[in-house]
Every structure is written in structure tokens, then in C-alpha cells.
N, C-alpha and C. Protein backbone atom coordinates (compact mmCIF):
# COMPACT_ATOMS: atom_id res chain seq x y z
N MET A 1 -11.85 -17.29 -22.55
CA MET A 1 -11.19 -18.02 -21.47
C MET A 1 -10.23 -16.56 -20.78
N SER A 2 -10.04 -16.64 -19.13
CA SER A 2 -9.63 -16.04 -18.58
C SER A 2 -8.35 -16.16 -18.18
N ARG A 3 -7.43 -15.03 -17.54
CA ARG A 3 -5.86 -15.20 -17.49
C ARG A 3 -5.58 -14.92 -16.40
N ILE A 4 -4.78 -15.43 -15.71
CA ILE A 4 -4.48 -15.63 -14.46
C ILE A 4 -2.71 -14.44 -14.05
N VAL A 5 -2.82 -14.10 -13.64
CA VAL A 5 -1.84 -12.83 -13.53
C VAL A 5 -1.17 -12.77 -12.34
N VAL A 6 -0.16 -12.79 -12.00
CA VAL A 6 0.82 -13.04 -10.50
C VAL A 6 1.39 -11.32 -10.79
N GLN A 7 0.92 -10.99 -10.00
CA GLN A 7 1.38 -9.33 -9.96
C GLN A 7 2.53 -8.73 -8.56
N GLU A 8 2.88 -8.50 -8.03
CA GLU A 8 3.82 -8.46 -6.89
C GLU A 8 5.01 -7.26 -7.25
N PHE A 9 5.05 -6.22 -5.70
CA PHE A 9 5.67 -5.62 -5.62
C PHE A 9 7.37 -6.64 -5.22
N ILE A 10 8.31 -6.45 -5.67
CA ILE A 10 9.31 -7.18 -5.36
C ILE A 10 10.74 -6.25 -5.22
N THR A 11 11.57 -7.16 -4.27
CA THR A 11 12.76 -6.83 -4.22
C THR A 11 14.36 -7.40 -5.13
N LEU A 12 15.06 -6.96 -5.43
CA LEU A 12 16.06 -7.47 -6.14
C LEU A 12 16.34 -8.86 -5.37
N ASP A 13 16.38 -8.74 -4.56
CA ASP A 13 16.54 -10.47 -4.20
C ASP A 13 15.33 -11.58 -4.20
N GLY A 14 14.31 -10.75 -4.31
CA GLY A 14 13.13 -11.66 -4.76
C GLY A 14 11.98 -11.54 -3.86
N VAL A 15 12.48 -10.86 -2.44
CA VAL A 15 11.82 -10.81 -1.47
C VAL A 15 10.21 -10.13 -1.78
N ILE A 16 8.84 -10.22 -1.70
CA ILE A 16 7.61 -10.30 -1.36
C ILE A 16 6.92 -9.53 -0.32
N GLN A 17 7.41 -10.29 0.75
CA GLN A 17 6.55 -9.98 2.14
C GLN A 17 6.41 -8.61 2.46
N ALA A 18 4.85 -8.16 3.17
CA ALA A 18 5.19 -6.80 3.72
C ALA A 18 5.56 -5.83 2.82
N PRO A 19 5.37 -5.35 1.94
CA PRO A 19 5.76 -4.15 1.17
C PRO A 19 5.48 -2.80 1.64
N GLY A 20 3.95 -3.05 1.92
CA GLY A 20 3.18 -2.18 1.95
C GLY A 20 3.12 -1.46 3.61
N GLY A 21 3.26 -2.22 4.34
CA GLY A 21 3.05 -1.67 6.12
C GLY A 21 3.79 -2.73 6.63
N ARG A 22 4.79 -1.93 7.86
CA ARG A 22 5.58 -2.79 8.91
C ARG A 22 4.58 -3.94 9.62
N ASP A 23 3.34 -3.65 9.78
CA ASP A 23 2.24 -4.88 10.41
C ASP A 23 1.56 -5.82 9.78
N GLU A 24 2.06 -5.49 8.15
CA GLU A 24 1.55 -5.87 7.32
C GLU A 24 2.22 -7.50 6.93
N ASP A 25 1.64 -8.70 7.37
CA ASP A 25 2.13 -10.29 7.28
C ASP A 25 3.49 -10.14 7.66
N SER A 26 3.84 -9.45 8.94
CA SER A 26 4.37 -9.81 9.61
C SER A 26 5.71 -10.56 10.17
N ASP A 27 5.16 -11.51 11.09
CA ASP A 27 5.34 -12.67 11.12
C ASP A 27 7.00 -12.63 11.86
N GLY A 28 7.10 -11.40 12.54
CA GLY A 28 8.18 -10.79 12.81
C GLY A 28 9.27 -10.44 12.02
N PHE A 29 8.74 -9.88 10.53
CA PHE A 29 9.66 -9.35 9.73
C PHE A 29 10.05 -8.07 9.88
N GLU A 30 11.49 -7.87 10.18
CA GLU A 30 11.68 -6.06 10.69
C GLU A 30 11.89 -5.21 9.46
N HIS A 31 11.77 -5.97 8.15
CA HIS A 31 11.24 -4.87 6.64
C HIS A 31 10.47 -4.50 6.19
N GLY A 32 9.20 -4.89 7.28
CA GLY A 32 7.82 -4.26 6.72
C GLY A 32 7.65 -3.15 6.46
N GLY A 33 6.81 -2.81 4.95
CA GLY A 33 6.50 -1.40 4.49
C GLY A 33 7.76 -0.98 3.63
N TRP A 34 8.99 -2.01 3.41
CA TRP A 34 9.92 -1.39 2.34
C TRP A 34 9.48 -0.32 1.19
N GLN A 35 8.84 -1.24 0.54
CA GLN A 35 8.18 -0.42 -0.84
C GLN A 35 7.37 0.69 -0.52
N MET A 36 6.62 1.27 0.36
CA MET A 36 5.82 2.42 1.00
C MET A 36 7.08 3.33 0.98
N ALA A 37 8.02 2.83 2.06
CA ALA A 37 9.32 3.82 2.24
C ALA A 37 9.85 4.55 1.21
N TYR A 38 10.02 3.21 -0.01
CA TYR A 38 11.12 3.46 -0.69
C TYR A 38 9.81 4.52 -2.06
N ASP A 39 8.59 4.35 -1.98
CA ASP A 39 7.96 5.05 -2.86
C ASP A 39 7.64 6.71 -2.33
N GLU A 40 7.57 6.73 -1.28
CA GLU A 40 7.52 8.07 -0.52
C GLU A 40 8.83 8.87 -0.89
N GLU A 41 10.02 8.13 -0.95
CA GLU A 41 11.03 9.06 -0.84
C GLU A 41 11.33 9.22 -2.19
N HIS A 42 10.79 8.33 -3.02
CA HIS A 42 11.21 8.76 -4.58
C HIS A 42 10.43 9.03 -5.14
N ASP A 43 8.88 9.23 -4.83
CA ASP A 43 7.84 9.77 -5.67
C ASP A 43 7.46 8.73 -6.69
N THR A 44 7.40 7.45 -6.75
CA THR A 44 7.24 6.34 -7.54
C THR A 44 5.91 6.67 -8.32
N TYR A 45 5.01 6.83 -7.37
CA TYR A 45 4.12 6.68 -8.19
C TYR A 45 2.52 8.25 -7.97
N SER A 46 3.82 9.27 -9.12
CA SER A 46 3.18 10.51 -9.15
C SER A 46 3.27 10.23 -10.92
N GLY A 47 2.14 10.60 -11.36
CA GLY A 47 2.24 10.64 -12.68
C GLY A 47 2.47 9.46 -13.53
N GLU A 48 3.20 8.69 -14.33
CA GLU A 48 3.46 7.68 -14.83
C GLU A 48 3.09 6.72 -13.81
N GLY A 49 3.67 6.10 -12.78
CA GLY A 49 3.25 4.93 -11.62
C GLY A 49 1.72 5.11 -11.78
N ASP A 50 1.01 6.02 -11.51
CA ASP A 50 -0.41 5.80 -11.11
C ASP A 50 -0.78 5.45 -12.03
N GLU A 51 -0.80 6.11 -13.71
CA GLU A 51 -1.48 5.37 -14.79
C GLU A 51 -1.49 4.28 -14.98
N ILE A 52 -0.03 3.80 -14.33
CA ILE A 52 0.40 2.44 -15.25
C ILE A 52 -0.52 1.24 -14.42
N ILE A 53 -0.29 1.50 -13.34
CA ILE A 53 -1.66 1.02 -12.06
C ILE A 53 -2.59 0.89 -12.07
N ALA A 54 -3.43 1.97 -12.49
CA ALA A 54 -4.77 2.46 -12.92
C ALA A 54 -5.37 1.27 -14.06
N GLU A 55 -4.65 1.66 -15.03
CA GLU A 55 -4.42 0.66 -16.07
C GLU A 55 -4.34 -1.02 -16.12
N TRP A 56 -3.97 -1.44 -15.18
CA TRP A 56 -3.77 -2.61 -14.82
C TRP A 56 -4.86 -3.12 -14.05
N GLU A 57 -5.03 -2.16 -13.58
CA GLU A 57 -6.36 -2.71 -12.27
C GLU A 57 -7.44 -2.67 -13.56
N SER A 58 -7.69 -1.26 -14.63
CA SER A 58 -9.19 -1.42 -14.83
C SER A 58 -9.29 -2.97 -15.52
N ARG A 59 -8.17 -3.76 -15.76
CA ARG A 59 -8.67 -5.04 -16.54
C ARG A 59 -8.84 -6.09 -15.19
N THR A 60 -8.50 -5.85 -13.92
CA THR A 60 -9.36 -7.02 -13.17
C THR A 60 -10.62 -7.32 -13.24
N GLU A 61 -10.96 -8.29 -13.24
CA GLU A 61 -12.28 -9.20 -13.51
C GLU A 61 -12.43 -9.91 -12.02
N ALA A 62 -11.68 -10.47 -11.66
CA ALA A 62 -11.67 -10.52 -10.39
C ALA A 62 -9.70 -10.65 -9.76
N LEU A 63 -10.15 -11.36 -8.11
CA LEU A 63 -9.23 -11.55 -6.84
C LEU A 63 -9.25 -12.71 -6.71
N LEU A 64 -7.82 -13.51 -7.04
CA LEU A 64 -7.72 -14.68 -6.40
C LEU A 64 -6.39 -14.55 -5.42
N LEU A 65 -6.70 -15.13 -4.26
CA LEU A 65 -5.96 -14.44 -2.96
C LEU A 65 -5.82 -16.31 -1.91
N GLY A 66 -4.37 -15.89 -1.35
CA GLY A 66 -4.30 -17.04 -0.55
C GLY A 66 -5.06 -16.14 0.79
N ARG A 67 -4.79 -17.20 2.28
CA ARG A 67 -5.58 -16.61 2.98
C ARG A 67 -4.59 -15.36 4.20
N LYS A 68 -3.60 -15.28 4.00
CA LYS A 68 -3.23 -13.81 5.12
C LYS A 68 -3.12 -12.94 4.22
N THR A 69 -3.26 -12.78 2.43
CA THR A 69 -3.60 -11.53 1.97
C THR A 69 -4.79 -11.62 1.59
N TYR A 70 -5.79 -12.26 1.89
CA TYR A 70 -7.02 -12.20 2.15
C TYR A 70 -7.52 -11.38 3.47
N ASP A 71 -7.27 -11.82 4.34
CA ASP A 71 -7.00 -11.21 5.67
C ASP A 71 -6.86 -9.61 5.58
N ILE A 72 -5.61 -9.58 5.41
CA ILE A 72 -4.75 -7.97 5.19
C ILE A 72 -5.85 -7.40 3.77
N TRP A 73 -6.40 -7.52 2.97
CA TRP A 73 -7.12 -6.83 2.32
C TRP A 73 -8.70 -6.43 2.51
N ALA A 74 -9.15 -7.56 3.29
CA ALA A 74 -10.74 -7.95 3.76
C ALA A 74 -10.60 -6.42 4.49
N ASN A 75 -9.56 -6.11 5.23
CA ASN A 75 -9.26 -5.63 6.62
C ASN A 75 -8.99 -4.12 5.70
N ALA A 76 -8.37 -3.81 4.98
CA ALA A 76 -8.48 -2.60 4.30
C ALA A 76 -9.43 -1.97 2.96
N TRP A 77 -8.99 -2.37 1.51
CA TRP A 77 -10.34 -1.92 0.68
C TRP A 77 -11.62 -2.73 0.93
N GLY A 78 -11.83 -3.87 2.13
CA GLY A 78 -13.16 -3.91 2.48
C GLY A 78 -13.38 -3.73 3.53
N VAL A 79 -13.01 -2.50 3.76
CA VAL A 79 -13.92 -1.32 5.16
C VAL A 79 -13.27 0.40 4.60
N TRP A 80 -12.64 0.06 3.41
CA TRP A 80 -12.30 1.49 3.38
C TRP A 80 -13.36 2.24 2.49
N ASP A 81 -13.32 3.81 2.79
CA ASP A 81 -14.51 4.29 1.84
C ASP A 81 -14.80 4.67 0.35
N GLU A 82 -15.68 3.72 -0.43
CA GLU A 82 -16.03 3.69 -1.55
C GLU A 82 -15.99 5.17 -2.02
N ASN A 83 -16.93 6.25 -1.19
CA ASN A 83 -16.56 7.27 -1.77
C ASN A 83 -15.67 8.27 -2.10
N ALA A 84 -14.63 7.91 -1.34
CA ALA A 84 -13.01 8.45 -1.29
C ALA A 84 -12.41 8.39 -2.54
N GLY A 85 -12.16 10.27 -2.36
CA GLY A 85 -11.82 10.23 -4.09
C GLY A 85 -10.41 10.15 -4.06
N GLY A 86 -10.55 10.16 -5.60
CA GLY A 86 -9.10 9.83 -6.36
C GLY A 86 -9.14 8.20 -6.55
N PHE A 87 -7.65 8.18 -6.28
CA PHE A 87 -7.15 6.83 -7.19
C PHE A 87 -7.63 5.35 -5.74
N VAL A 88 -7.76 5.86 -4.58
CA VAL A 88 -7.84 4.90 -3.57
C VAL A 88 -9.43 4.74 -3.73
N GLY A 89 -10.36 5.76 -3.83
CA GLY A 89 -11.50 5.33 -3.84
C GLY A 89 -12.08 4.54 -5.31
N GLU A 90 -11.15 4.60 -6.33
CA GLU A 90 -11.50 3.89 -7.30
C GLU A 90 -11.18 2.42 -7.20
N LEU A 91 -10.12 2.21 -6.76
CA LEU A 91 -9.93 0.78 -6.43
C LEU A 91 -10.43 0.28 -5.20
N THR A 92 -11.01 0.78 -4.55
CA THR A 92 -11.89 0.56 -3.08
C THR A 92 -13.15 -0.05 -3.85
N ARG A 93 -13.57 0.63 -4.95
CA ARG A 93 -14.80 0.44 -5.84
C ARG A 93 -14.65 -0.97 -6.11
N ARG A 94 -13.54 -0.52 -6.91
CA ARG A 94 -13.08 -2.22 -8.03
C ARG A 94 -13.55 -3.33 -7.33
N TYR A 95 -12.21 -3.08 -6.11
CA TYR A 95 -12.27 -4.44 -5.15
C TYR A 95 -13.37 -5.05 -4.55
N ASN A 96 -14.10 -4.19 -4.12
CA ASN A 96 -15.49 -4.66 -3.62
C ASN A 96 -16.52 -5.18 -4.60
N ARG A 97 -16.34 -4.70 -5.79
CA ARG A 97 -17.04 -5.31 -7.07
C ARG A 97 -17.22 -6.75 -7.57
N VAL A 98 -15.40 -6.64 -7.63
CA VAL A 98 -14.63 -7.96 -8.38
C VAL A 98 -15.52 -9.13 -7.92
N PRO A 99 -15.75 -10.13 -7.99
CA PRO A 99 -15.69 -11.58 -7.54
C PRO A 99 -14.40 -11.68 -6.81
N LYS A 100 -14.40 -12.78 -5.48
CA LYS A 100 -13.33 -12.94 -5.15
C LYS A 100 -13.28 -14.16 -4.79
N TYR A 101 -11.72 -14.65 -4.68
CA TYR A 101 -11.98 -16.45 -4.76
C TYR A 101 -10.82 -16.35 -3.85
N ILE A 102 -10.82 -16.77 -2.94
CA ILE A 102 -9.98 -17.19 -1.66
C ILE A 102 -9.35 -18.50 -1.34
N ALA A 103 -8.36 -19.15 -1.21
CA ALA A 103 -7.75 -20.19 -1.20
C ALA A 103 -7.59 -20.56 0.09
N SER A 104 -8.00 -20.95 1.18
CA SER A 104 -7.68 -21.19 2.34
C SER A 104 -8.25 -22.55 3.21
N ARG A 105 -7.33 -22.85 4.00
CA ARG A 105 -7.38 -24.64 4.57
C ARG A 105 -8.17 -24.52 6.24
N THR A 106 -8.52 -23.41 6.68
CA THR A 106 -8.72 -22.67 8.30
C THR A 106 -9.81 -22.11 7.63
N LEU A 107 -10.19 -21.15 7.51
CA LEU A 107 -11.18 -20.22 6.80
C LEU A 107 -12.96 -20.90 6.63
N THR A 108 -13.45 -20.93 7.03
CA THR A 108 -14.92 -21.25 6.65
C THR A 108 -16.31 -20.08 6.60
N GLU A 109 -15.80 -18.89 7.12
CA GLU A 109 -16.74 -17.77 6.37
C GLU A 109 -15.79 -16.36 6.08
N LEU A 110 -16.50 -15.95 4.82
CA LEU A 110 -15.76 -14.87 4.14
C LEU A 110 -16.59 -13.77 4.81
N GLY A 111 -16.29 -12.53 4.72
CA GLY A 111 -17.02 -11.43 5.62
C GLY A 111 -16.82 -10.02 4.38
N TRP A 112 -16.05 -10.13 3.78
CA TRP A 112 -16.09 -9.47 2.70
C TRP A 112 -16.83 -9.71 1.43
N LYS A 113 -17.37 -8.97 0.87
CA LYS A 113 -19.10 -9.08 -0.25
C LYS A 113 -18.12 -9.40 -1.38
N ASN A 114 -18.88 -10.74 -1.82
CA ASN A 114 -18.51 -10.90 -3.05
C ASN A 114 -17.36 -11.50 -3.29
N SER A 115 -17.22 -12.54 -1.75
CA SER A 115 -15.98 -13.75 -1.43
C SER A 115 -16.30 -14.23 -1.56
N ARG A 116 -16.11 -15.64 -2.44
CA ARG A 116 -16.01 -17.52 -1.93
C ARG A 116 -14.90 -18.32 -1.77
N LEU A 117 -14.66 -18.66 -1.19
CA LEU A 117 -13.90 -19.83 -0.39
C LEU A 117 -13.46 -21.14 -1.76
N LEU A 118 -12.66 -21.37 -2.31
CA LEU A 118 -12.07 -22.37 -3.58
C LEU A 118 -12.36 -23.77 -2.83
N ASP A 119 -12.75 -24.49 -3.72
CA ASP A 119 -13.28 -26.23 -3.18
C ASP A 119 -11.86 -26.81 -2.77
N ALA A 120 -12.18 -27.69 -2.07
CA ALA A 120 -10.78 -28.76 -1.67
C ALA A 120 -9.19 -28.96 -2.81
N ASP A 121 -10.07 -28.96 -4.01
CA ASP A 121 -9.50 -29.26 -4.71
C ASP A 121 -8.98 -28.15 -5.85
N LEU A 122 -7.84 -27.10 -5.15
CA LEU A 122 -7.77 -26.05 -5.64
C LEU A 122 -7.59 -26.27 -7.07
N ALA A 123 -6.75 -27.08 -7.56
CA ALA A 123 -6.29 -26.84 -9.02
C ALA A 123 -7.61 -26.99 -9.84
N ALA A 124 -8.46 -28.11 -9.35
CA ALA A 124 -9.52 -28.51 -10.40
C ALA A 124 -10.38 -26.99 -10.39
N ASP A 125 -10.50 -26.51 -9.27
CA ASP A 125 -11.98 -25.11 -9.53
C ASP A 125 -10.87 -23.78 -9.83
N VAL A 126 -9.87 -23.63 -9.73
CA VAL A 126 -8.90 -22.44 -10.23
C VAL A 126 -8.96 -22.89 -12.08
N ARG A 127 -8.86 -24.20 -12.41
CA ARG A 127 -8.76 -24.48 -14.17
C ARG A 127 -10.14 -24.02 -14.51
N LYS A 128 -11.12 -24.08 -13.74
CA LYS A 128 -12.66 -24.13 -14.22
C LYS A 128 -12.57 -22.35 -14.33
N LEU A 129 -12.38 -21.60 -13.29
CA LEU A 129 -12.04 -19.98 -13.71
C LEU A 129 -11.49 -19.87 -14.94
N ARG A 130 -10.05 -20.64 -14.98
CA ARG A 130 -9.94 -20.24 -15.70
C ARG A 130 -9.66 -20.26 -17.19
N ASP A 131 -11.02 -21.23 -17.41
CA ASP A 131 -11.61 -21.82 -18.65
C ASP A 131 -12.29 -20.82 -19.07
N ALA A 132 -13.04 -20.17 -17.73
CA ALA A 132 -14.21 -19.95 -18.36
C ALA A 132 -13.71 -17.88 -19.08
N PRO A 133 -15.41 -17.59 -19.66
CA PRO A 133 -14.90 -16.10 -20.14
C PRO A 133 -14.48 -15.02 -19.22
N GLY A 134 -14.10 -14.21 -19.58
CA GLY A 134 -13.34 -13.55 -18.61
C GLY A 134 -12.06 -12.38 -19.50
N GLY A 135 -11.94 -11.81 -17.96
CA GLY A 135 -10.60 -10.77 -18.73
C GLY A 135 -9.57 -11.19 -17.51
N GLU A 136 -8.40 -10.33 -16.32
CA GLU A 136 -7.59 -10.65 -15.73
C GLU A 136 -7.40 -11.66 -14.31
N ILE A 137 -7.24 -12.23 -14.27
CA ILE A 137 -7.72 -13.14 -12.80
C ILE A 137 -6.94 -12.57 -12.00
N ARG A 138 -6.82 -11.59 -11.04
CA ARG A 138 -5.20 -10.94 -10.62
C ARG A 138 -5.20 -11.58 -9.01
N VAL A 139 -4.04 -11.97 -9.12
CA VAL A 139 -3.01 -12.50 -7.71
C VAL A 139 -2.15 -11.59 -7.31
N TRP A 140 -2.58 -10.95 -6.06
CA TRP A 140 -1.20 -9.89 -5.26
C TRP A 140 -0.98 -10.70 -4.18
N GLY A 141 0.39 -10.65 -3.98
CA GLY A 141 0.98 -11.49 -2.81
C GLY A 141 0.49 -13.01 -2.50
N SER A 142 0.06 -13.41 -1.63
CA SER A 142 -0.02 -14.81 -1.56
C SER A 142 0.69 -15.98 -2.14
N SER A 143 2.08 -16.28 -1.40
CA SER A 143 3.41 -16.87 -2.14
C SER A 143 3.37 -17.92 -2.32
N VAL A 144 2.60 -18.90 -1.02
CA VAL A 144 1.81 -20.13 -0.81
C VAL A 144 1.07 -20.20 -1.86
N LEU A 145 0.06 -19.89 -2.27
CA LEU A 145 -0.56 -20.08 -3.39
C LEU A 145 -0.22 -20.26 -4.11
N VAL A 146 0.65 -19.01 -4.92
CA VAL A 146 1.73 -18.98 -5.86
C VAL A 146 2.18 -20.03 -6.42
N LYS A 147 2.86 -20.74 -5.68
CA LYS A 147 3.31 -21.94 -5.53
C LYS A 147 2.67 -23.03 -6.12
N SER A 148 1.37 -22.80 -5.60
CA SER A 148 -0.01 -24.15 -6.13
C SER A 148 0.02 -24.08 -7.00
N LEU A 149 -0.35 -22.60 -7.31
CA LEU A 149 -0.43 -22.67 -8.80
C LEU A 149 0.52 -22.72 -10.16
N ALA A 150 1.85 -22.46 -9.69
CA ALA A 150 2.94 -22.76 -10.61
C ALA A 150 2.92 -24.37 -10.47
N GLU A 151 2.20 -25.18 -9.82
CA GLU A 151 3.03 -26.63 -10.05
C GLU A 151 1.84 -27.09 -10.79
N HIS A 152 0.78 -26.09 -10.70
CA HIS A 152 -0.37 -26.77 -12.07
C HIS A 152 -0.56 -25.97 -13.46
N ASP A 153 0.75 -25.70 -13.52
CA ASP A 153 0.77 -24.66 -14.89
C ASP A 153 -0.79 -23.75 -14.48
N LEU A 154 -0.77 -22.85 -13.81
CA LEU A 154 -2.22 -21.53 -13.59
C LEU A 154 -1.66 -20.91 -13.62
N VAL A 155 -0.45 -20.34 -14.11
CA VAL A 155 -0.32 -18.97 -13.77
C VAL A 155 0.17 -18.69 -15.27
N ASP A 156 -0.14 -17.47 -16.20
CA ASP A 156 -0.85 -16.90 -17.32
C ASP A 156 0.98 -16.35 -17.84
N GLU A 157 1.01 -14.91 -15.89
CA GLU A 157 1.83 -13.96 -16.19
C GLU A 157 2.67 -13.56 -15.25
N TYR A 158 3.76 -13.13 -15.13
CA TYR A 158 4.14 -12.51 -13.89
C TYR A 158 4.08 -10.99 -14.25
N ARG A 159 3.57 -10.55 -13.16
CA ARG A 159 3.98 -8.87 -13.55
C ARG A 159 4.49 -8.24 -12.22
N LEU A 160 5.95 -7.85 -12.60
CA LEU A 160 6.81 -7.65 -11.37
C LEU A 160 7.22 -6.22 -11.37
N VAL A 161 6.94 -5.72 -9.74
CA VAL A 161 7.73 -4.35 -9.47
C VAL A 161 8.43 -4.50 -9.14
N VAL A 162 9.78 -4.48 -9.71
CA VAL A 162 11.20 -4.61 -9.33
C VAL A 162 11.56 -3.42 -8.79
N TYR A 163 11.84 -3.55 -7.54
CA TYR A 163 12.82 -2.49 -6.85
C TYR A 163 14.16 -2.52 -6.21
N PRO A 164 14.48 -1.33 -6.66
CA PRO A 164 16.68 -1.78 -6.13
C PRO A 164 17.00 -1.63 -4.49
N ILE A 165 16.17 -2.85 -4.41
CA ILE A 165 16.43 -2.99 -2.68
C ILE A 165 16.90 -4.38 -2.41
N VAL A 166 17.66 -4.58 -1.54
CA VAL A 166 18.21 -5.88 -1.15
C VAL A 166 17.92 -6.17 0.18
N LEU A 167 17.25 -7.24 0.80
CA LEU A 167 16.14 -7.18 2.31
C LEU A 167 16.95 -8.26 2.95
N GLY A 168 17.91 -9.62 2.30
CA GLY A 168 17.96 -10.45 2.63
C GLY A 168 17.76 -11.58 3.36
N ILE A 169 16.28 -11.21 4.02
CA ILE A 169 15.77 -12.33 4.30
C ILE A 169 13.59 -11.50 4.24
N GLY A 170 13.09 -12.80 4.47
CA GLY A 170 11.42 -12.47 3.77
C GLY A 170 11.76 -13.65 3.09
N LYS A 171 10.13 -13.45 2.73
CA LYS A 171 9.15 -14.39 2.15
C LYS A 171 9.36 -13.89 0.73
N LYS A 172 9.77 -15.29 -0.17
CA LYS A 172 10.48 -14.48 -1.70
C LYS A 172 9.06 -15.55 -2.23
N LEU A 173 9.23 -14.61 -3.43
CA LEU A 173 8.16 -15.03 -4.77
C LEU A 173 8.51 -16.40 -5.52
N PHE A 174 9.95 -16.70 -5.45
CA PHE A 174 10.62 -17.88 -6.15
C PHE A 174 11.45 -18.54 -5.12
N PRO A 175 10.41 -19.18 -3.79
CA PRO A 175 11.93 -20.17 -2.64
C PRO A 175 11.96 -21.14 -3.45
N ASP A 176 13.18 -22.10 -2.32
CA ASP A 176 13.70 -23.01 -2.67
C ASP A 176 12.73 -23.94 -3.03
N GLY A 177 12.32 -25.20 -3.86
CA GLY A 177 11.70 -25.88 -4.42
C GLY A 177 10.70 -25.64 -4.99
N PHE A 178 10.93 -23.95 -5.48
CA PHE A 178 9.27 -23.84 -6.84
C PHE A 178 9.65 -24.45 -7.79
N PRO A 179 8.72 -24.46 -8.83
CA PRO A 179 8.68 -25.72 -9.90
C PRO A 179 9.83 -24.96 -10.98
N SER A 180 10.50 -25.66 -11.43
CA SER A 180 11.18 -25.06 -12.53
C SER A 180 10.41 -24.52 -13.86
N THR A 181 10.75 -23.12 -14.08
CA THR A 181 10.22 -22.72 -14.82
C THR A 181 10.98 -21.76 -16.14
N THR A 182 10.16 -21.65 -17.48
CA THR A 182 11.46 -21.10 -18.31
C THR A 182 10.18 -20.01 -18.76
N LEU A 183 10.63 -18.53 -18.57
CA LEU A 183 9.81 -17.44 -19.05
C LEU A 183 10.31 -16.41 -20.04
N SER A 184 9.45 -15.83 -20.86
CA SER A 184 10.29 -14.68 -21.48
C SER A 184 9.61 -13.52 -20.96
N LEU A 185 10.80 -12.41 -21.16
CA LEU A 185 10.04 -11.03 -21.19
C LEU A 185 9.64 -10.58 -22.08
N ALA A 186 8.01 -10.01 -21.98
CA ALA A 186 7.22 -9.61 -22.94
C ALA A 186 7.18 -8.20 -22.58
N GLU A 187 7.60 -7.47 -21.84
CA GLU A 187 7.76 -6.02 -21.47
C GLU A 187 8.48 -5.83 -20.04
N SER A 188 9.31 -4.58 -20.70
CA SER A 188 9.63 -4.07 -19.07
C SER A 188 10.43 -2.40 -19.34
N ARG A 189 9.69 -1.46 -18.11
CA ARG A 189 9.28 -0.49 -18.61
C ARG A 189 10.17 0.30 -16.82
N ARG A 190 11.17 1.46 -16.97
CA ARG A 190 11.48 1.84 -15.77
C ARG A 190 10.84 3.20 -15.38
N LEU A 191 10.55 3.30 -14.32
CA LEU A 191 10.02 4.66 -13.79
C LEU A 191 11.35 5.58 -13.41
N LYS A 192 11.08 6.80 -13.59
CA LYS A 192 11.94 7.59 -13.04
C LYS A 192 12.72 7.29 -11.48
N SER A 193 11.61 6.87 -10.92
CA SER A 193 12.19 6.80 -9.45
C SER A 193 13.62 5.40 -9.16
N GLY A 194 13.96 4.71 -10.59
CA GLY A 194 14.59 3.65 -10.81
C GLY A 194 13.98 2.39 -10.68
N VAL A 195 12.55 2.47 -10.30
CA VAL A 195 11.65 0.62 -10.30
C VAL A 195 11.67 0.34 -11.93
N LEU A 196 11.60 -0.88 -11.51
CA LEU A 196 11.55 -1.60 -12.89
C LEU A 196 9.83 -2.50 -12.91
N ILE A 197 9.29 -2.23 -14.09
CA ILE A 197 7.78 -2.89 -13.80
C ILE A 197 8.55 -3.83 -15.27
N ASN A 198 7.90 -5.22 -15.23
CA ASN A 198 9.00 -6.06 -15.92
C ASN A 198 7.57 -6.88 -16.21
N THR A 199 7.09 -7.68 -17.31
CA THR A 199 6.19 -8.39 -17.78
C THR A 199 7.13 -9.79 -18.20
N TYR A 200 6.28 -11.23 -17.75
CA TYR A 200 6.83 -12.30 -18.20
C TYR A 200 5.92 -13.47 -18.19
N ARG A 201 6.16 -14.18 -19.48
CA ARG A 201 5.39 -14.72 -19.76
C ARG A 201 6.03 -16.42 -19.84
N TYR A 202 5.15 -17.15 -19.74
CA TYR A 202 5.25 -18.80 -20.22
C TYR A 202 5.86 -18.96 -22.00
N THR A 203 6.84 -19.62 -22.26
CA THR A 203 7.39 -19.70 -23.49
C THR A 203 6.26 -21.29 -24.04
N THR A 204 6.39 -20.98 -24.85
CA THR A 204 5.73 -21.92 -25.71
C THR A 204 6.63 -22.95 -26.52
């Protein structure tokens, strides 16, 4: 059986929108790139941070993405040079290799290799993926998709990289109307930059 792991960069007030760039999923959002700016100022991913992310991504056996996140990733990881050195090249090779499952009502074709559209019955299709042997099926971003997965009890773990930032606006991971959920804190790590990495799992 596979596990669906939602992994997010998130602010203290729960915002996950456009962490990596000003124009990323902007929709007029004025704080795009908040995570990248903090990381550059505080050197978050030198040493321990890089090692943690690398270990996580070594367990990624598939990606499960909503349409907007797919568009962003396909035009980044999907076109970047697989022969690039270091961590970026390693992730580019992995993300290109693994299967990618995309939830969308509007897309009809997918240009990023090893990608396929999920069926109209999202819950049933994802349940089949989850029931099959495998490792971690990783969800990044994709706030609308995460809510749909939670409504059908299809999330096994939330892995949240929590930044000591309050934005006041933006798309949230747990917006109003999100299913009532009780989680247990399985692990918490503090980076030197002040970023917390919290892993939550559903209580049984």
C-alpha cells in the first residue's frame, strides 16, 4: 500500500500560496516568493535543510498534483536540465522519472513526460493508487486537491515546513469549510533559521 503525503511550505497563519516566486500562482497575490526570500536571508537550506529535503524526496515514488501546481512544475522541473549539478539536477531527474497524476477538469493533454490525468471520479482513482504497492505519493501545493482528498480520508500525512511569517492574506492549506480533522504530531524539528518542520498523522 502507498501513502499519500501532503508536503507544504506554510506560514504561521496557514498560507501556502506562491512560496517560491513572485509570479507563481499569483492571482494578484502581493507576497509571492515569501519562502524563497526568507531562505535567502536566513540560509535555511545550507547543510541540515538540504539533507532533510533530499531524504524526503528520495522516498517520492509519484507526484499527485492539482492543475495550477502541475502547470508551475511542468514549466520548471519539466524543462530544467537533468544534467545540472547538485540538488537541482537530482530533483529534476527524479521528478521527470516518477509517475505524475494530475487532477483537472479543464486539461485534456499533458506535456510533461510520465504524466496522466486522473479520472472524473477523483476519489476512486486516487484510492486505487493508494491501495497499490509503493512508497510515498507526494502532494505539493494543490490546495483545492488537498481539500478534496481530505474529504475522502485520502491523506495519510501532512509534512509542514512552518515559517515564522504572517502574511494576512493568501490561499490557506486549511481554509474555512475544510473537513474537521484530528491529527497527532509524529515529529518536530527546528532548523537554525527558525523554520519548524512538523509531521502530522491521523489519529486512529
